[in-house]
């Protein structure tokens, strides 16, 4: 009987365990979690609704949403992408709905639906789940194959480094911008389509923008933070931000916003300058850029090129995406490939 160990009972680890146990029915599959609960990130994502994937099925377009990992994920997405994940869930009784922006959620609007499907499948297939499990070293000699699916946890990166892997420096991604401007904060709750530019980083993003009590949020700000995550971290989240409040002919300006811009001068409509002085975590989706160097991993199998019986899946890898279900899809895709490769591990 073959023995497999999966470290990390998050989205990637649990999905890998469920698939691996189904593929190798005679094997012992251990899913080890350092906390007392599995799938904690799935539980709170999307405000508790769980934006499980995206409706974008074309791999070439899909990879454009990944600041890190876009080239490496193209092949894996051809084999297992959003379409296959939706099918996997539907086969287990989970119905999904698609919102106008392409985000997909369970029709129940509850992350518990996804948790029940993932953990239910794992337990049905005989996965042995162990909680409060800690590892000082990787027990590679005790198992036929080991999968690291520890997310952005320092534990996983430390274990990967201990066997020779390189860890790209970690930095937060998908965050909102803190802008110290009380007059702007008075407009909190205002939403419109705008173009945000970070001149120092030569990055720009157009999309829905939300004014908050601390600065700027919404898809445009979150996407810009993802693409600029590493450089913004290096700048200690202090840099200039330029807002084009009316990037297209159709105006979304409210009367209050128009009055605010009039007081800021003639150039404010299309080139309104602010200073970012910090960041605030996005509560619906917590993401970290950095992780195990992808050049050290065979992306067809998620197998380590350094340690023969070590595999990786999910956010432990240097892969991250913009908001919209893309980060979870990377977890499902890498976990699926790892499970299939481990089931035939020599």
Protein backbone atom coordinates (compact mmCIF):
# COMPACT_ATOMS: atom_id res chain seq x y z
CA UNK A 1 0.00 0.00 0.00
CA UNK A 2 1.30 3.43 -0.95
CA UNK A 3 1.45 6.28 1.57
CA UNK A 4 0.96 9.93 0.72
CA UNK A 5 1.22 13.03 2.90
CA UNK A 6 -0.39 16.37 2.08
CA UNK A 7 0.67 19.24 4.33
CA UNK A 8 -1.95 21.98 4.48
CA UNK A 9 -5.74 21.51 4.52
CA UNK A 10 -6.61 24.65 2.60
CA UNK A 11 -8.21 24.82 -0.83
CA UNK A 12 -5.30 23.24 -2.72
CA UNK A 13 -4.44 20.61 -0.12
CA UNK A 14 -7.99 19.40 0.45
CA UNK A 15 -8.79 19.29 -3.26
CA UNK A 16 -5.57 17.37 -3.94
CA UNK A 17 -6.32 14.90 -1.13
CA UNK A 18 -9.85 14.25 -2.39
CA UNK A 19 -8.62 13.59 -5.93
CA UNK A 20 -5.58 11.55 -4.93
CA UNK A 21 -7.61 9.24 -2.70
CA UNK A 22 -10.06 8.67 -5.53
CA UNK A 23 -7.30 7.96 -8.05
CA UNK A 24 -5.37 5.56 -5.79
CA UNK A 25 -8.11 3.86 -3.80
CA UNK A 26 -5.78 1.42 -2.04
CA UNK A 27 -3.43 4.13 -0.77
CA UNK A 28 -3.25 5.83 2.61
CA UNK A 29 -3.68 9.59 2.14
CA UNK A 30 -2.92 11.78 5.15
CA UNK A 31 -4.06 15.41 5.09
CA UNK A 32 -2.21 17.31 7.83
CA UNK A 33 -3.36 20.75 9.02
CA UNK A 34 -1.47 22.89 11.56
CA UNK A 35 -4.63 24.56 12.93
CA UNK A 36 -7.83 23.11 14.36
CA UNK A 37 -9.89 23.74 11.21
CA UNK A 38 -9.57 22.97 7.53
CA UNK A 39 -10.44 25.33 4.67
CA UNK A 40 -10.47 28.46 6.82
CA UNK A 41 -9.64 30.73 3.87
CA UNK A 42 -12.43 29.20 1.79
CA UNK A 43 -14.84 29.84 4.66
CA UNK A 44 -14.24 33.62 4.81
CA UNK A 45 -13.55 34.35 1.14
CA UNK A 46 -15.94 36.55 -0.79
CA UNK A 47 -17.56 37.76 2.39
CA UNK A 48 -18.49 34.18 3.25
CA UNK A 49 -19.96 33.48 -0.20
CA UNK A 50 -16.78 31.93 -1.74
CA UNK A 51 -15.90 33.19 -5.21
CA UNK A 52 -14.89 29.67 -6.18
CA UNK A 53 -13.77 30.30 -9.78
CA UNK A 54 -14.28 32.44 -12.87
CA UNK A 55 -16.39 32.06 -16.01
CA UNK A 56 -13.33 32.77 -18.18
CA UNK A 57 -12.58 29.40 -19.80
CA UNK A 58 -10.09 30.46 -22.49
CA UNK A 59 -6.58 29.64 -21.16
CA UNK A 60 -4.90 32.42 -23.17
CA UNK A 61 -7.23 35.03 -21.67
CA UNK A 62 -7.31 33.37 -18.27
CA UNK A 63 -3.55 33.67 -17.70
CA UNK A 64 -3.70 37.44 -18.25
CA UNK A 65 -5.11 37.70 -14.73
CA UNK A 66 -1.94 36.34 -13.10
CA UNK A 67 0.84 38.88 -12.40
CA UNK A 68 3.06 35.96 -11.36
CA UNK A 69 2.62 32.55 -12.98
CA UNK A 70 0.91 33.55 -16.23
CA UNK A 71 3.38 31.79 -18.53
CA UNK A 72 3.70 28.70 -16.38
CA UNK A 73 -0.06 28.20 -15.91
CA UNK A 74 -1.00 28.19 -19.58
CA UNK A 75 -0.38 24.46 -20.07
CA UNK A 76 -2.02 23.39 -16.79
CA UNK A 77 -5.13 25.47 -17.56
CA UNK A 78 -5.51 23.67 -20.89
CA UNK A 79 -5.79 20.39 -18.97
CA UNK A 80 -7.81 21.51 -15.95
CA UNK A 81 -9.37 24.97 -15.87
CA UNK A 82 -12.57 26.67 -14.69
CA UNK A 83 -14.78 24.52 -16.94
CA UNK A 84 -13.41 21.32 -15.41
CA UNK A 85 -13.71 22.70 -11.88
CA UNK A 86 -17.34 23.66 -12.43
CA UNK A 87 -18.00 20.15 -13.75
CA UNK A 88 -16.25 18.59 -10.72
CA UNK A 89 -18.45 20.55 -8.35
CA UNK A 90 -21.65 19.92 -10.30
CA UNK A 91 -20.97 16.17 -10.25
CA UNK A 92 -20.99 16.46 -6.47
CA UNK A 93 -24.25 18.36 -6.31
CA UNK A 94 -22.90 21.91 -6.15
CA UNK A 95 -24.68 24.36 -8.45
CA UNK A 96 -22.93 27.60 -9.32
CA UNK A 97 -24.10 30.98 -10.58
CA UNK A 98 -22.19 33.55 -12.62
CA UNK A 99 -22.34 37.24 -11.78
CA UNK A 100 -22.04 40.07 -14.31
CA UNK A 101 -18.29 40.44 -13.80
CA UNK A 102 -17.61 36.73 -14.40
CA UNK A 103 -17.19 35.72 -10.77
CA UNK A 104 -18.77 32.37 -9.89
CA UNK A 105 -20.38 31.51 -6.56
CA UNK A 106 -22.44 28.62 -5.21
CA UNK A 107 -26.15 29.38 -5.68
CA UNK A 108 -26.50 29.09 -1.91
CA UNK A 109 -24.24 32.15 -1.49
CA UNK A 110 -22.51 30.17 1.26
CA UNK A 111 -18.90 29.04 1.40
CA UNK A 112 -20.08 26.13 3.56
CA UNK A 113 -21.44 24.55 0.36
CA UNK A 114 -17.93 24.42 -1.10
CA UNK A 115 -16.40 23.26 2.18
CA UNK A 116 -18.90 20.41 2.45
CA UNK A 117 -18.21 19.32 -1.14
CA UNK A 118 -14.42 19.33 -0.76
CA UNK A 119 -14.16 17.79 2.68
CA UNK A 120 -17.07 15.45 2.03
CA UNK A 121 -15.33 14.06 -1.04
CA UNK A 122 -12.04 13.71 0.83
CA UNK A 123 -13.60 11.83 3.74
CA UNK A 124 -15.75 9.68 1.44
CA UNK A 125 -12.59 8.59 -0.35
CA UNK A 126 -10.89 7.65 2.91
CA UNK A 127 -8.58 10.62 3.48
CA UNK A 128 -7.19 10.66 7.02
CA UNK A 129 -7.31 14.25 8.34
CA UNK A 130 -4.95 15.23 11.17
CA UNK A 131 -5.26 18.60 12.90
CA UNK A 132 -2.70 20.61 14.90
CA UNK A 133 0.04 18.84 12.95
CA UNK A 134 3.46 20.50 12.89
CA UNK A 135 6.57 19.55 10.97
CA UNK A 136 10.13 20.58 11.79
CA UNK A 137 11.39 18.67 8.76
CA UNK A 138 9.82 17.10 5.69
CA UNK A 139 9.23 13.36 6.36
CA UNK A 140 10.19 12.44 2.80
CA UNK A 141 11.53 9.01 3.76
CA UNK A 142 8.26 8.01 5.44
CA UNK A 143 5.98 8.54 2.43
CA UNK A 144 5.98 7.64 -1.24
CA UNK A 145 5.20 11.28 -2.05
CA UNK A 146 4.68 14.49 -0.07
CA UNK A 147 2.67 17.51 -1.22
CA UNK A 148 3.31 20.96 0.24
CA UNK A 149 0.08 22.99 0.07
CA UNK A 150 0.70 25.37 2.95
CA UNK A 151 -0.38 28.62 1.27
CA UNK A 152 1.54 31.71 2.33
CA UNK A 153 2.44 30.16 5.70
CA UNK A 154 6.08 30.51 6.70
CA UNK A 155 6.06 26.83 7.70
CA UNK A 156 5.79 25.64 4.12
CA UNK A 157 8.40 28.01 2.77
CA UNK A 158 10.80 27.06 5.56
CA UNK A 159 10.32 23.36 4.77
CA UNK A 160 10.84 23.96 1.04
CA UNK A 161 14.01 25.95 1.71
CA UNK A 162 15.33 23.22 3.99
CA UNK A 163 15.53 20.80 1.05
CA UNK A 164 17.11 23.24 -1.37
CA UNK A 165 14.26 25.25 -2.89
CA UNK A 166 14.46 28.99 -3.50
CA UNK A 167 11.74 31.21 -2.04
CA UNK A 168 10.94 34.42 -3.88
CA UNK A 169 10.50 37.18 -1.26
CA UNK A 170 6.93 37.42 0.02
CA UNK A 171 4.78 40.54 -0.19
CA UNK A 172 1.05 41.24 0.24
CA UNK A 173 -1.10 41.45 -2.88
CA UNK A 174 -4.73 42.52 -3.41
CA UNK A 175 -4.91 45.43 -1.00
CA UNK A 176 -6.53 48.86 -0.96
CA UNK A 177 -4.76 52.23 -0.95
CA UNK A 178 -4.59 54.54 2.06
CA UNK A 179 -4.82 58.19 0.97
CA UNK A 180 -4.78 60.88 3.71
CA UNK A 181 -7.41 63.27 2.35
CA UNK A 182 -10.40 64.06 4.63
CA UNK A 183 -12.28 65.75 1.78
CA UNK A 184 -11.97 62.55 -0.28
CA UNK A 185 -13.01 60.40 2.69
CA UNK A 186 -16.21 62.44 2.95
CA UNK A 187 -17.21 60.88 -0.40
CA UNK A 188 -16.95 57.33 1.01
CA UNK A 189 -19.33 54.93 -0.70
CA UNK A 190 -19.07 56.62 -4.10
CA UNK A 191 -18.45 54.15 -6.94
CA UNK A 192 -17.63 54.85 -10.57
CA UNK A 193 -15.45 53.70 -13.44
CA UNK A 194 -12.01 55.34 -13.38
CA UNK A 195 -8.41 54.88 -14.50
CA UNK A 196 -5.72 54.60 -11.83
CA UNK A 197 -2.04 55.11 -12.66
CA UNK A 198 1.10 54.59 -10.59
CA UNK A 199 3.62 56.74 -12.52
CA UNK A 200 6.65 55.49 -10.58
CA UNK A 201 5.75 51.89 -11.44
CA UNK A 202 4.47 52.65 -14.96
CA UNK A 203 1.29 50.71 -14.22
CA UNK A 204 -2.31 51.61 -14.99
CA UNK A 205 -5.69 49.96 -14.46
CA UNK A 206 -9.19 50.96 -15.57
CA UNK A 207 -12.28 49.65 -13.83
CA UNK A 208 -14.75 50.13 -10.98
CA UNK A 209 -13.36 52.33 -8.20
CA UNK A 210 -14.74 52.69 -4.68
CA UNK A 211 -13.96 55.70 -2.49
CA UNK A 212 -13.60 54.63 1.15
CA UNK A 213 -13.10 56.25 4.54
CA UNK A 214 -9.36 55.64 4.14
CA UNK A 215 -8.77 56.09 0.40
CA UNK A 216 -9.41 53.91 -2.64
CA UNK A 217 -10.72 50.36 -3.07
CA UNK A 218 -12.71 48.42 -5.66
CA UNK A 219 -11.54 46.19 -8.54
CA UNK A 220 -9.39 48.89 -10.19
CA UNK A 221 -7.37 49.51 -7.02
CA UNK A 222 -7.13 45.82 -6.14
CA UNK A 223 -5.91 44.83 -9.60
CA UNK A 224 -3.36 47.64 -9.60
CA UNK A 225 -2.10 46.48 -6.19
CA UNK A 226 -1.64 42.95 -7.53
CA UNK A 227 0.39 44.00 -10.56
CA UNK A 228 2.48 46.36 -8.45
CA UNK A 229 2.72 44.19 -5.32
CA UNK A 230 6.49 43.66 -5.30
CA UNK A 231 7.46 47.24 -6.17
CA UNK A 232 4.89 48.79 -3.84
CA UNK A 233 6.28 46.64 -1.03
CA UNK A 234 9.79 47.90 -1.83
CA UNK A 235 8.47 51.49 -1.71
CA UNK A 236 6.92 50.81 1.70
CA UNK A 237 3.52 51.61 0.11
CA UNK A 238 4.38 55.27 -0.42
CA UNK A 239 4.10 56.60 -3.95
CA UNK A 240 2.11 58.91 -6.21
CA UNK A 241 -1.28 57.86 -7.62
CA UNK A 242 -2.99 59.63 -10.52
CA UNK A 243 -6.75 59.26 -11.04
CA UNK A 244 -8.59 59.88 -14.31
CA UNK A 245 -12.14 60.24 -13.04
CA UNK A 246 -13.68 60.16 -16.52
CA UNK A 247 -11.59 57.85 -18.76
CA UNK A 248 -14.50 57.31 -21.15
CA UNK A 249 -17.17 59.57 -22.61
CA UNK A 250 -19.91 58.30 -20.33
CA UNK A 251 -19.73 60.17 -17.04
CA UNK A 252 -20.27 58.40 -13.73
CA UNK A 253 -19.60 61.51 -11.66
CA UNK A 254 -22.03 62.33 -8.88
CA UNK A 255 -22.86 65.94 -7.99
CA UNK A 256 -20.81 65.66 -4.79
CA UNK A 257 -17.80 64.32 -6.68
CA UNK A 258 -18.09 67.08 -9.29
CA UNK A 259 -18.04 69.72 -6.54
CA UNK A 260 -15.04 68.03 -4.94
CA UNK A 261 -13.13 67.97 -8.25
CA UNK A 262 -14.02 71.59 -9.04
CA UNK A 263 -12.29 72.61 -5.82
CA UNK A 264 -9.17 70.65 -6.84
CA UNK A 265 -8.62 72.58 -10.08
CA UNK A 266 -9.01 72.19 -13.84
CA UNK A 267 -6.62 69.24 -14.20
CA UNK A 268 -8.35 67.15 -11.53
CA UNK A 269 -10.88 65.49 -13.85
CA UNK A 270 -8.29 63.56 -15.87
CA UNK A 271 -5.08 63.89 -13.81
CA UNK A 272 -5.96 64.08 -10.14
CA UNK A 273 -2.84 63.45 -8.03
CA UNK A 274 -2.76 61.75 -4.64
CA UNK A 275 -0.11 60.28 -2.37
CA UNK A 276 -0.52 56.69 -1.22
CA UNK A 277 0.63 56.36 2.39
CA UNK A 278 0.06 52.74 3.26
CA UNK A 279 -2.28 49.88 2.48
CA UNK A 280 -5.30 48.12 3.99
CA UNK A 281 -5.96 44.39 3.63
CA UNK A 282 -8.83 43.40 1.36
CA UNK A 283 -11.17 41.46 3.65
CA UNK A 284 -12.74 39.32 0.92
CA UNK A 285 -9.55 37.85 -0.54
CA UNK A 286 -6.17 37.60 1.19
CA UNK A 287 -3.31 36.91 -1.21
CA UNK A 288 0.48 36.91 -1.02
CA UNK A 289 2.88 37.14 -3.92
CA UNK A 290 6.18 35.28 -3.74
CA UNK A 291 6.86 31.66 -2.83
CA UNK A 292 8.60 28.63 -4.28
CA UNK A 293 10.41 29.54 -7.51
CA UNK A 294 8.44 28.12 -10.44
CA UNK A 295 11.60 27.28 -12.42
CA UNK A 296 12.33 24.68 -9.73
CA UNK A 297 8.98 22.92 -10.31
CA UNK A 298 7.78 20.80 -13.25
CA UNK A 299 4.51 22.60 -13.94
CA UNK A 300 3.07 19.62 -15.82
CA UNK A 301 3.13 17.55 -12.62
CA UNK A 302 3.84 20.11 -9.84
CA UNK A 303 6.78 17.87 -8.93
CA UNK A 304 9.95 19.33 -7.47
CA UNK A 305 12.96 19.33 -9.79
CA UNK A 306 15.18 19.11 -6.70
CA UNK A 307 13.51 16.45 -4.52
CA UNK A 308 12.05 13.49 -6.47
CA UNK A 309 9.07 12.75 -4.20
CA UNK A 310 8.10 16.32 -3.29
CA UNK A 311 5.19 18.17 -4.92
CA UNK A 312 3.65 21.64 -4.58
CA UNK A 313 0.18 23.15 -5.04
CA UNK A 314 -1.53 26.45 -4.39
CA UNK A 315 -0.22 29.67 -2.93
CA UNK A 316 3.00 28.10 -1.59
CA UNK A 317 4.15 28.58 -5.20
CA UNK A 318 5.08 31.98 -6.61
CA UNK A 319 1.66 32.32 -8.24
CA UNK A 320 -0.96 34.96 -7.54
CA UNK A 321 -3.81 36.62 -9.39
CA UNK A 322 -6.11 39.60 -9.41
CA UNK A 323 -9.46 39.39 -7.65
CA UNK A 324 -12.32 37.45 -9.25
CA UNK A 325 -11.91 33.74 -8.44
CA UNK A 326 -8.57 33.42 -10.21
CA UNK A 327 -6.52 32.65 -7.10
CA UNK A 328 -8.81 29.77 -6.15
CA UNK A 329 -8.66 28.47 -9.73
CA UNK A 330 -4.85 28.35 -9.54
CA UNK A 331 -5.23 26.31 -6.35
CA UNK A 332 -7.67 23.85 -7.97
CA UNK A 333 -5.53 23.52 -11.11
CA UNK A 334 -2.19 22.94 -9.40
CA UNK A 335 -3.77 20.56 -6.88
CA UNK A 336 -5.43 18.52 -9.63
CA UNK A 337 -2.15 18.14 -11.50
CA UNK A 338 -0.26 17.25 -8.33
CA UNK A 339 -2.82 14.59 -7.36
CA UNK A 340 -2.72 12.94 -10.78
CA UNK A 341 1.08 12.93 -10.85
CA UNK A 342 1.39 11.60 -7.29
CA UNK A 343 -1.03 8.76 -8.04
CA UNK A 344 1.41 7.48 -10.68
CA UNK A 345 4.59 8.46 -8.82
CA UNK A 346 7.30 5.89 -9.57
